[in-house]
Amino acid sequence: MKIKCNIITPMLMHGENTKIIELRPPSIKGAMRFWWRAIQAIHGNLSLKDMKKQESMIFGGAVDESAVKSSFRIKINSFNLKSEQINPLPHKKRGFNINGYKANQSFEVEFLGENLELIKSIFRLSTILGGFGQRSRRGFGSIQIIDNWEITEENIKNLIKSINPSFHYSSDNSYPYIKTIEIGKEYQDMNGLIKTINLATHNHNKDGMFGSVRGGRYASPIYISIIKDNKNYRPIITTLNATKKIDEERLNEFKKDILS
């Protein structure tokens, strides 16, 4: 199964050598695993052990102390993608640049293996709710499948249900499951939207409530990706269950600065 994708915002994906950009199948599969897990809100009908077993059967892992191979493989045709120097912190006057893939380019992802329609659905969800590479939680590395599938909150919900029919936005577990998905207003300028996202993060996250690498790494429970609708761009904010206490008023102000 071959799927053509468009790079919506600059992508900062690297291997061990951060100076060399690379579209890495393990990174894509890792993102797919993350979002699959995020829609498995356990609430009585599926134990954590069973969830991990299902995850291993799809993505590979250990089942009953035995190693299980992933049910699918990923191949990428990059079509000689062009790179450029990109500022990952566009809200700062004195930033720095790193090498990344330019926006408005296409590449192809090929999936081989079993249950490929399910795999395609998981991949589509991953491209909508998150990006790939560095700063993917703040608008960088957003990609979009090139087809006629309309990205709306209702269609996203139906997509999730096709992957996990028992999905709901609540759970009594502590891992980062999805709590809300919100699509914001249209922006005409992609760079302006990325700057707005990063400026809002800077203004509302001085104490690391929404993610920090200081004093012990804490991954942000707020994912912000970008979709392209005709010639305009729109942010999507996915709020995950946080492992730390969140000030809901500050969270709403943070999201308001981006969505409206």
C-alpha atoms as a PDB file:
ATOM      1  CA  MET A   1       0.000   0.000   0.000  1.00  0.00           C
ATOM      2  CA  LYS A   2       1.550   3.287  -1.164  1.00  0.00           C
ATOM      3  CA  ILE A   3       0.455   6.617   0.316  1.00  0.00           C
ATOM      4  CA  LYS A   4       1.567   9.977  -1.044  1.00  0.00           C
ATOM      5  CA  CYS A   5       2.056  12.740   1.512  1.00  0.00           C
ATOM      6  CA  ASN A   6       2.724  16.461   1.446  1.00  0.00           C
ATOM      7  CA  ILE A   7       4.994  18.258   3.912  1.00  0.00           C
ATOM      8  CA  ILE A   8       2.854  21.067   5.358  1.00  0.00           C
ATOM      9  CA  THR A   9       5.441  22.635   7.685  1.00  0.00           C
ATOM     10  CA  PRO A  10       9.255  22.298   7.766  1.00  0.00           C
ATOM     11  CA  MET A  11      10.307  18.890   9.058  1.00  0.00           C
ATOM     12  CA  LEU A  12      13.275  18.498  11.403  1.00  0.00           C
ATOM     13  CA  MET A  13      13.815  14.731  11.316  1.00  0.00           C
ATOM     14  CA  HIS A  14      17.308  13.349  11.929  1.00  0.00           C
ATOM     15  CA  GLY A  15      19.092  10.145  12.849  1.00  0.00           C
ATOM     16  CA  GLU A  16      22.024   9.940  15.246  1.00  0.00           C
ATOM     17  CA  ASN A  17      23.804  12.697  13.322  1.00  0.00           C
ATOM     18  CA  THR A  18      21.578  15.746  13.781  1.00  0.00           C
ATOM     19  CA  LYS A  19      23.329  17.536  10.913  1.00  0.00           C
ATOM     20  CA  ILE A  20      21.927  15.017   8.421  1.00  0.00           C
ATOM     21  CA  ILE A  21      18.179  15.063   7.763  1.00  0.00           C
ATOM     22  CA  GLU A  22      16.511  11.747   7.117  1.00  0.00           C
ATOM     23  CA  LEU A  23      12.970  10.439   6.683  1.00  0.00           C
ATOM     24  CA  ARG A  24      13.217   7.572   9.140  1.00  0.00           C
ATOM     25  CA  PRO A  25      10.724   4.647   9.122  1.00  0.00           C
ATOM     26  CA  PRO A  26      11.379   3.946  12.846  1.00  0.00           C
ATOM     27  CA  SER A  27      10.368   7.526  13.706  1.00  0.00           C
ATOM     28  CA  ILE A  28       7.150   7.207  11.712  1.00  0.00           C
ATOM     29  CA  LYS A  29       6.331   3.855  13.290  1.00  0.00           C
ATOM     30  CA  GLY A  30       7.101   5.293  16.737  1.00  0.00           C
ATOM     31  CA  ALA A  31       4.637   8.128  16.183  1.00  0.00           C
ATOM     32  CA  MET A  32       1.998   5.665  14.993  1.00  0.00           C
ATOM     33  CA  ARG A  33       2.525   3.542  18.101  1.00  0.00           C
ATOM     34  CA  PHE A  34       2.170   6.644  20.299  1.00  0.00           C
ATOM     35  CA  TRP A  35      -1.157   7.725  18.768  1.00  0.00           C
ATOM     36  CA  TRP A  36      -2.522   4.179  18.754  1.00  0.00           C
ATOM     37  CA  ARG A  37      -1.805   4.033  22.474  1.00  0.00           C
ATOM     38  CA  ALA A  38      -3.339   7.483  23.027  1.00  0.00           C
ATOM     39  CA  ILE A  39      -6.756   6.298  21.797  1.00  0.00           C
ATOM     40  CA  GLN A  40      -6.794   3.189  23.984  1.00  0.00           C
ATOM     41  CA  ALA A  41      -8.560   4.813  26.936  1.00  0.00           C
ATOM     42  CA  ILE A  42      -8.993   1.835  29.250  1.00  0.00           C
ATOM     43  CA  HIS A  43     -12.205   1.936  31.209  1.00  0.00           C
ATOM     44  CA  GLY A  44     -13.098  -1.549  32.347  1.00  0.00           C
ATOM     45  CA  ASN A  45     -13.331  -3.250  28.929  1.00  0.00           C
ATOM     46  CA  LEU A  46      -9.582  -3.706  28.316  1.00  0.00           C
ATOM     47  CA  SER A  47      -6.819  -4.253  30.841  1.00  0.00           C
ATOM     48  CA  LEU A  48      -3.425  -2.590  30.547  1.00  0.00           C
ATOM     49  CA  LYS A  49      -1.892  -6.025  29.956  1.00  0.00           C
ATOM     50  CA  ASP A  50      -4.301  -6.735  27.091  1.00  0.00           C
ATOM     51  CA  MET A  51      -3.656  -3.305  25.608  1.00  0.00           C
ATOM     52  CA  LYS A  52       0.106  -3.948  25.577  1.00  0.00           C
ATOM     53  CA  LYS A  53      -0.510  -7.337  23.971  1.00  0.00           C
ATOM     54  CA  GLN A  54      -2.589  -5.769  21.187  1.00  0.00           C
ATOM     55  CA  GLU A  55       0.064  -3.092  20.714  1.00  0.00           C
ATOM     56  CA  SER A  56       2.800  -5.712  20.372  1.00  0.00           C
ATOM     57  CA  MET A  57       0.792  -7.694  17.829  1.00  0.00           C
ATOM     58  CA  ILE A  58       0.582  -4.579  15.621  1.00  0.00           C
ATOM     59  CA  PHE A  59       3.897  -2.820  16.208  1.00  0.00           C
ATOM     60  CA  GLY A  60       6.088  -5.577  17.596  1.00  0.00           C
ATOM     61  CA  GLY A  61       7.186  -6.265  21.152  1.00  0.00           C
ATOM     62  CA  ALA A  62       6.872  -8.926  23.814  1.00  0.00           C
ATOM     63  CA  VAL A  63       3.791 -11.130  24.266  1.00  0.00           C
ATOM     64  CA  ASP A  64       3.848 -13.562  27.187  1.00  0.00           C
ATOM     65  CA  GLU A  65       7.626 -13.135  27.415  1.00  0.00           C
ATOM     66  CA  SER A  66       8.066 -14.013  23.726  1.00  0.00           C
ATOM     67  CA  ALA A  67       9.262 -11.545  21.091  1.00  0.00           C
ATOM     68  CA  VAL A  68       6.719 -10.729  18.378  1.00  0.00           C
ATOM     69  CA  LYS A  69       7.554  -9.085  15.060  1.00  0.00           C
ATOM     70  CA  SER A  70       5.707  -6.016  13.838  1.00  0.00           C
ATOM     71  CA  SER A  71       2.774  -6.853  11.564  1.00  0.00           C
ATOM     72  CA  PHE A  72       3.985  -4.323   8.984  1.00  0.00           C
ATOM     73  CA  ARG A  73       7.048  -2.677   7.471  1.00  0.00           C
ATOM     74  CA  ILE A  74       7.587   0.853   6.166  1.00  0.00           C
ATOM     75  CA  LYS A  75       9.470   1.931   3.054  1.00  0.00           C
ATOM     76  CA  ILE A  76       9.922   5.581   2.083  1.00  0.00           C
ATOM     77  CA  ASN A  77      10.538   7.163  -1.304  1.00  0.00           C
ATOM     78  CA  SER A  78      11.753  10.688  -0.594  1.00  0.00           C
ATOM     79  CA  PHE A  79      11.752  11.891  -4.237  1.00  0.00           C
ATOM     80  CA  ASN A  80      14.997  13.865  -3.611  1.00  0.00           C
ATOM     81  CA  LEU A  81      13.458  16.202  -1.057  1.00  0.00           C
ATOM     82  CA  LYS A  82      15.108  19.594  -0.712  1.00  0.00           C
ATOM     83  CA  SER A  83      16.437  20.933   2.573  1.00  0.00           C
ATOM     84  CA  GLU A  84      17.067  24.333   4.105  1.00  0.00           C
ATOM     85  CA  GLN A  85      18.264  25.916   7.329  1.00  0.00           C
ATOM     86  CA  ILE A  86      15.273  26.334   9.674  1.00  0.00           C
ATOM     87  CA  ASN A  87      14.863  28.259  12.914  1.00  0.00           C
ATOM     88  CA  PRO A  88      13.081  25.892  15.362  1.00  0.00           C
ATOM     89  CA  LEU A  89      12.321  28.802  17.729  1.00  0.00           C
ATOM     90  CA  PRO A  90      10.827  31.425  15.384  1.00  0.00           C
ATOM     91  CA  HIS A  91       9.417  33.529  18.221  1.00  0.00           C
ATOM     92  CA  LYS A  92      12.917  34.468  19.411  1.00  0.00           C
ATOM     93  CA  LYS A  93      14.850  37.340  17.827  1.00  0.00           C
ATOM     94  CA  ARG A  94      18.146  35.549  18.329  1.00  0.00           C
ATOM     95  CA  GLY A  95      17.382  31.999  17.329  1.00  0.00           C
ATOM     96  CA  PHE A  96      19.516  29.371  15.675  1.00  0.00           C
ATOM     97  CA  ASN A  97      19.134  27.268  12.541  1.00  0.00           C
ATOM     98  CA  ILE A  98      19.201  23.530  11.957  1.00  0.00           C
ATOM     99  CA  ASN A  99      18.902  21.536   8.759  1.00  0.00           C
ATOM    100  CA  GLY A 100      15.408  20.345   7.811  1.00  0.00           C
ATOM    101  CA  TYR A 101      13.107  19.474   4.936  1.00  0.00           C
ATOM    102  CA  LYS A 102      11.365  22.385   3.231  1.00  0.00           C
ATOM    103  CA  ALA A 103       7.562  22.630   3.249  1.00  0.00           C
ATOM    104  CA  ASN A 104       5.405  22.073   0.156  1.00  0.00           C
ATOM    105  CA  GLN A 105       7.168  18.906  -0.995  1.00  0.00           C
ATOM    106  CA  SER A 106       5.837  15.384  -1.461  1.00  0.00           C
ATOM    107  CA  PHE A 107       7.113  11.929  -0.552  1.00  0.00           C
ATOM    108  CA  GLU A 108       5.679   8.420  -0.549  1.00  0.00           C
ATOM    109  CA  VAL A 109       5.205   5.999   2.323  1.00  0.00           C
ATOM    110  CA  GLU A 110       4.744   2.334   1.476  1.00  0.00           C
ATOM    111  CA  PHE A 111       3.307  -0.103   3.997  1.00  0.00           C
ATOM    112  CA  LEU A 112       3.885  -3.832   3.578  1.00  0.00           C
ATOM    113  CA  GLY A 113       2.420  -6.563   5.744  1.00  0.00           C
ATOM    114  CA  GLU A 114      -0.933  -7.396   7.312  1.00  0.00           C
ATOM    115  CA  ASN A 115      -4.122  -5.433   8.082  1.00  0.00           C
ATOM    116  CA  LEU A 116      -2.990  -2.548   5.900  1.00  0.00           C
ATOM    117  CA  GLU A 117      -6.314  -0.693   6.021  1.00  0.00           C
ATOM    118  CA  LEU A 118      -5.967  -0.511   9.801  1.00  0.00           C
ATOM    119  CA  ILE A 119      -2.334   0.568   9.438  1.00  0.00           C
ATOM    120  CA  LYS A 120      -3.360   3.302   6.986  1.00  0.00           C
ATOM    121  CA  SER A 121      -5.984   4.571   9.459  1.00  0.00           C
ATOM    122  CA  ILE A 122      -3.414   4.709  12.270  1.00  0.00           C
ATOM    123  CA  PHE A 123      -0.983   6.507   9.973  1.00  0.00           C
ATOM    124  CA  ARG A 124      -3.650   9.004   8.895  1.00  0.00           C
ATOM    125  CA  LEU A 125      -4.519   9.732  12.523  1.00  0.00           C
ATOM    126  CA  SER A 126      -0.822  10.253  13.285  1.00  0.00           C
ATOM    127  CA  THR A 127      -0.457  12.764  10.453  1.00  0.00           C
ATOM    128  CA  ILE A 128      -3.509  14.729  11.600  1.00  0.00           C
ATOM    129  CA  LEU A 129      -2.873  14.931  15.333  1.00  0.00           C
ATOM    130  CA  GLY A 130       0.915  15.133  15.379  1.00  0.00           C
ATOM    131  CA  GLY A 131       4.007  15.847  13.341  1.00  0.00           C
ATOM    132  CA  PHE A 132       7.310  14.078  12.831  1.00  0.00           C
ATOM    133  CA  GLY A 133      10.769  15.057  14.013  1.00  0.00           C
ATOM    134  CA  GLN A 134      11.908  17.815  16.380  1.00  0.00           C
ATOM    135  CA  ARG A 135       9.377  20.400  17.594  1.00  0.00           C
ATOM    136  CA  SER A 136       6.558  18.194  16.287  1.00  0.00           C
ATOM    137  CA  ARG A 137       4.396  19.129  19.290  1.00  0.00           C
ATOM    138  CA  ARG A 138       4.636  22.770  18.258  1.00  0.00           C
ATOM    139  CA  GLY A 139       3.655  22.726  14.606  1.00  0.00           C
ATOM    140  CA  PHE A 140       6.833  21.541  12.897  1.00  0.00           C
ATOM    141  CA  GLY A 141       6.900  18.354  10.825  1.00  0.00           C
ATOM    142  CA  SER A 142       3.189  18.372   9.985  1.00  0.00           C
ATOM    143  CA  ILE A 143       2.351  16.256   6.956  1.00  0.00           C
ATOM    144  CA  GLN A 144      -0.904  15.480   5.187  1.00  0.00           C
ATOM    145  CA  ILE A 145      -2.016  12.517   3.081  1.00  0.00           C
ATOM    146  CA  ILE A 146      -2.813  13.615  -0.463  1.00  0.00           C
ATOM    147  CA  ASP A 147      -6.392  12.487  -1.084  1.00  0.00           C
ATOM    148  CA  ASN A 148      -9.941  13.794  -0.712  1.00  0.00           C
ATOM    149  CA  TRP A 149     -10.384  12.856   2.961  1.00  0.00           C
ATOM    150  CA  GLU A 150     -11.812  15.937   4.741  1.00  0.00           C
ATOM    151  CA  ILE A 151     -10.282  16.784   8.101  1.00  0.00           C
ATOM    152  CA  THR A 152     -13.100  17.713  10.486  1.00  0.00           C
ATOM    153  CA  GLU A 153     -13.592  17.014  14.183  1.00  0.00           C
ATOM    154  CA  GLU A 154     -16.426  14.592  13.347  1.00  0.00           C
ATOM    155  CA  ASN A 155     -14.359  12.733  10.742  1.00  0.00           C
ATOM    156  CA  ILE A 156     -11.429  12.503  13.154  1.00  0.00           C
ATOM    157  CA  LYS A 157     -13.733  11.013  15.784  1.00  0.00           C
ATOM    158  CA  ASN A 158     -15.051   8.470  13.262  1.00  0.00           C
ATOM    159  CA  LEU A 159     -11.477   7.646  12.236  1.00  0.00           C
ATOM    160  CA  ILE A 160     -10.567   6.963  15.847  1.00  0.00           C
ATOM    161  CA  LYS A 161     -13.662   4.789  16.242  1.00  0.00           C
ATOM    162  CA  SER A 162     -12.615   2.758  13.195  1.00  0.00           C
ATOM    163  CA  ILE A 163      -9.347   1.956  14.989  1.00  0.00           C
ATOM    164  CA  ASN A 164     -10.806   1.536  18.473  1.00  0.00           C
ATOM    165  CA  PRO A 165     -14.628   1.138  18.471  1.00  0.00           C
ATOM    166  CA  SER A 166     -14.773   1.516  22.271  1.00  0.00           C
ATOM    167  CA  PHE A 167     -12.892   4.852  22.328  1.00  0.00           C
ATOM    168  CA  HIS A 168     -14.129   7.636  24.617  1.00  0.00           C
ATOM    169  CA  TYR A 169     -12.561  10.819  25.957  1.00  0.00           C
ATOM    170  CA  SER A 170     -12.288   9.667  29.558  1.00  0.00           C
ATOM    171  CA  SER A 171     -10.462   7.090  31.604  1.00  0.00           C
ATOM    172  CA  ASP A 172      -9.379   6.409  35.165  1.00  0.00           C
ATOM    173  CA  ASN A 173      -5.842   5.553  34.054  1.00  0.00           C
ATOM    174  CA  SER A 174      -2.805   7.802  34.341  1.00  0.00           C
ATOM    175  CA  TYR A 175      -1.133   7.296  30.957  1.00  0.00           C
ATOM    176  CA  PRO A 176      -1.485  10.023  28.248  1.00  0.00           C
ATOM    177  CA  TYR A 177      -4.756   9.193  26.511  1.00  0.00           C
ATOM    178  CA  ILE A 178      -6.608  11.765  24.351  1.00  0.00           C
ATOM    179  CA  LYS A 179      -8.972  14.073  26.244  1.00  0.00           C
ATOM    180  CA  THR A 180      -9.913  16.657  23.596  1.00  0.00           C
ATOM    181  CA  ILE A 181      -9.276  17.490  19.939  1.00  0.00           C
ATOM    182  CA  GLU A 182      -9.906  21.064  18.721  1.00  0.00           C
ATOM    183  CA  ILE A 183      -9.493  22.630  15.281  1.00  0.00           C
ATOM    184  CA  GLY A 184      -8.751  26.342  15.139  1.00  0.00           C
ATOM    185  CA  LYS A 185      -9.325  29.241  12.769  1.00  0.00           C
ATOM    186  CA  GLU A 186      -7.713  29.661   9.355  1.00  0.00           C
ATOM    187  CA  TYR A 187      -4.337  31.357   8.927  1.00  0.00           C
ATOM    188  CA  GLN A 188      -3.124  32.530   5.537  1.00  0.00           C
ATOM    189  CA  ASP A 189       0.560  32.374   6.464  1.00  0.00           C
ATOM    190  CA  MET A 190       2.128  29.087   7.585  1.00  0.00           C
ATOM    191  CA  ASN A 191       5.188  30.747   9.104  1.00  0.00           C
ATOM    192  CA  GLY A 192       2.957  33.194  10.966  1.00  0.00           C
ATOM    193  CA  LEU A 193       0.974  30.312  12.459  1.00  0.00           C
ATOM    194  CA  ILE A 194       4.123  28.481  13.581  1.00  0.00           C
ATOM    195  CA  LYS A 195       5.378  31.696  15.180  1.00  0.00           C
ATOM    196  CA  THR A 196       2.009  32.174  16.939  1.00  0.00           C
ATOM    197  CA  ILE A 197       2.182  28.623  18.326  1.00  0.00           C
ATOM    198  CA  ASN A 198       5.712  29.012  19.619  1.00  0.00           C
ATOM    199  CA  LEU A 199       5.060  32.494  21.047  1.00  0.00           C
ATOM    200  CA  ALA A 200       2.001  31.180  22.918  1.00  0.00           C
ATOM    201  CA  THR A 201       4.131  28.348  24.293  1.00  0.00           C
ATOM    202  CA  HIS A 202       6.782  30.828  25.414  1.00  0.00           C
ATOM    203  CA  ASN A 203       4.211  33.106  27.106  1.00  0.00           C
ATOM    204  CA  HIS A 204       2.249  30.398  28.921  1.00  0.00           C
ATOM    205  CA  ASN A 205       4.884  27.774  29.697  1.00  0.00           C
ATOM    206  CA  LYS A 206       7.556  29.606  31.673  1.00  0.00           C
ATOM    207  CA  ASP A 207       7.300  27.070  34.523  1.00  0.00           C
ATOM    208  CA  GLY A 208       7.227  23.995  32.274  1.00  0.00           C
ATOM    209  CA  MET A 209       3.608  23.071  32.972  1.00  0.00           C
ATOM    210  CA  PHE A 210       3.074  22.259  29.287  1.00  0.00           C
ATOM    211  CA  GLY A 211       6.374  20.451  28.762  1.00  0.00           C
ATOM    212  CA  SER A 212       9.990  21.027  29.776  1.00  0.00           C
ATOM    213  CA  VAL A 213      13.505  19.626  29.399  1.00  0.00           C
ATOM    214  CA  ARG A 214      14.735  21.326  32.579  1.00  0.00           C
ATOM    215  CA  GLY A 215      14.827  19.724  36.001  1.00  0.00           C
ATOM    216  CA  GLY A 216      13.770  16.338  34.676  1.00  0.00           C
ATOM    217  CA  ARG A 217      12.299  15.886  31.211  1.00  0.00           C
ATOM    218  CA  TYR A 218       8.521  16.279  31.034  1.00  0.00           C
ATOM    219  CA  ALA A 219       6.779  15.716  27.696  1.00  0.00           C
ATOM    220  CA  SER A 220       4.092  18.219  26.819  1.00  0.00           C
ATOM    221  CA  PRO A 221       0.508  16.925  27.136  1.00  0.00           C
ATOM    222  CA  ILE A 222      -0.442  19.434  24.403  1.00  0.00           C
ATOM    223  CA  TYR A 223       0.139  18.458  20.772  1.00  0.00           C
ATOM    224  CA  ILE A 224      -0.268  21.170  18.143  1.00  0.00           C
ATOM    225  CA  SER A 225      -0.222  20.141  14.500  1.00  0.00           C
ATOM    226  CA  ILE A 226      -1.106  22.047  11.352  1.00  0.00           C
ATOM    227  CA  ILE A 227      -3.350  21.078   8.449  1.00  0.00           C
ATOM    228  CA  LYS A 228      -3.712  22.775   5.092  1.00  0.00           C
ATOM    229  CA  ASP A 229      -7.195  23.516   3.730  1.00  0.00           C
ATOM    230  CA  ASN A 230      -6.959  24.791   0.151  1.00  0.00           C
ATOM    231  CA  LYS A 231      -4.506  27.693   0.497  1.00  0.00           C
ATOM    232  CA  ASN A 232      -4.997  28.297   4.221  1.00  0.00           C
ATOM    233  CA  TYR A 233      -3.608  26.653   7.351  1.00  0.00           C
ATOM    234  CA  ARG A 234      -5.396  25.598  10.541  1.00  0.00           C
ATOM    235  CA  PRO A 235      -4.032  24.442  13.902  1.00  0.00           C
ATOM    236  CA  ILE A 236      -5.240  21.286  15.611  1.00  0.00           C
ATOM    237  CA  ILE A 237      -4.697  21.028  19.359  1.00  0.00           C
ATOM    238  CA  THR A 238      -4.870  17.602  20.980  1.00  0.00           C
ATOM    239  CA  THR A 239      -4.920  17.621  24.768  1.00  0.00           C
ATOM    240  CA  LEU A 240      -3.660  14.467  26.442  1.00  0.00           C
ATOM    241  CA  ASN A 241      -4.143  13.351  29.993  1.00  0.00           C
ATOM    242  CA  ALA A 242      -1.258  14.957  31.907  1.00  0.00           C
ATOM    243  CA  THR A 243       0.879  13.148  34.466  1.00  0.00           C
ATOM    244  CA  LYS A 244       1.239  16.462  36.337  1.00  0.00           C
ATOM    245  CA  LYS A 245      -1.459  18.770  37.640  1.00  0.00           C
ATOM    246  CA  ILE A 246      -2.564  21.301  35.021  1.00  0.00           C
ATOM    247  CA  ASP A 247      -4.004  24.766  35.654  1.00  0.00           C
ATOM    248  CA  GLU A 248      -7.114  24.540  33.471  1.00  0.00           C
ATOM    249  CA  GLU A 249      -7.518  28.323  33.229  1.00  0.00           C
ATOM    250  CA  ARG A 250      -3.966  28.737  31.952  1.00  0.00           C
ATOM    251  CA  LEU A 251      -4.436  25.803  29.590  1.00  0.00           C
ATOM    252  CA  ASN A 252      -7.540  27.400  28.086  1.00  0.00           C
ATOM    253  CA  GLU A 253      -5.753  30.746  27.668  1.00  0.00           C
ATOM    254  CA  PHE A 254      -2.833  28.988  25.988  1.00  0.00           C
ATOM    255  CA  LYS A 255      -5.107  27.218  23.513  1.00  0.00           C
ATOM    256  CA  LYS A 256      -7.228  30.342  22.932  1.00  0.00           C
ATOM    257  CA  ASP A 257      -4.130  32.265  21.770  1.00  0.00           C
ATOM    258  CA  ILE A 258      -3.705  29.709  18.988  1.00  0.00           C
ATOM    259  CA  LEU A 259      -7.209  28.529  18.083  1.00  0.00           C
ATOM    260  CA  SER A 260      -9.069  31.848  17.896  1.00  0.00           C
END
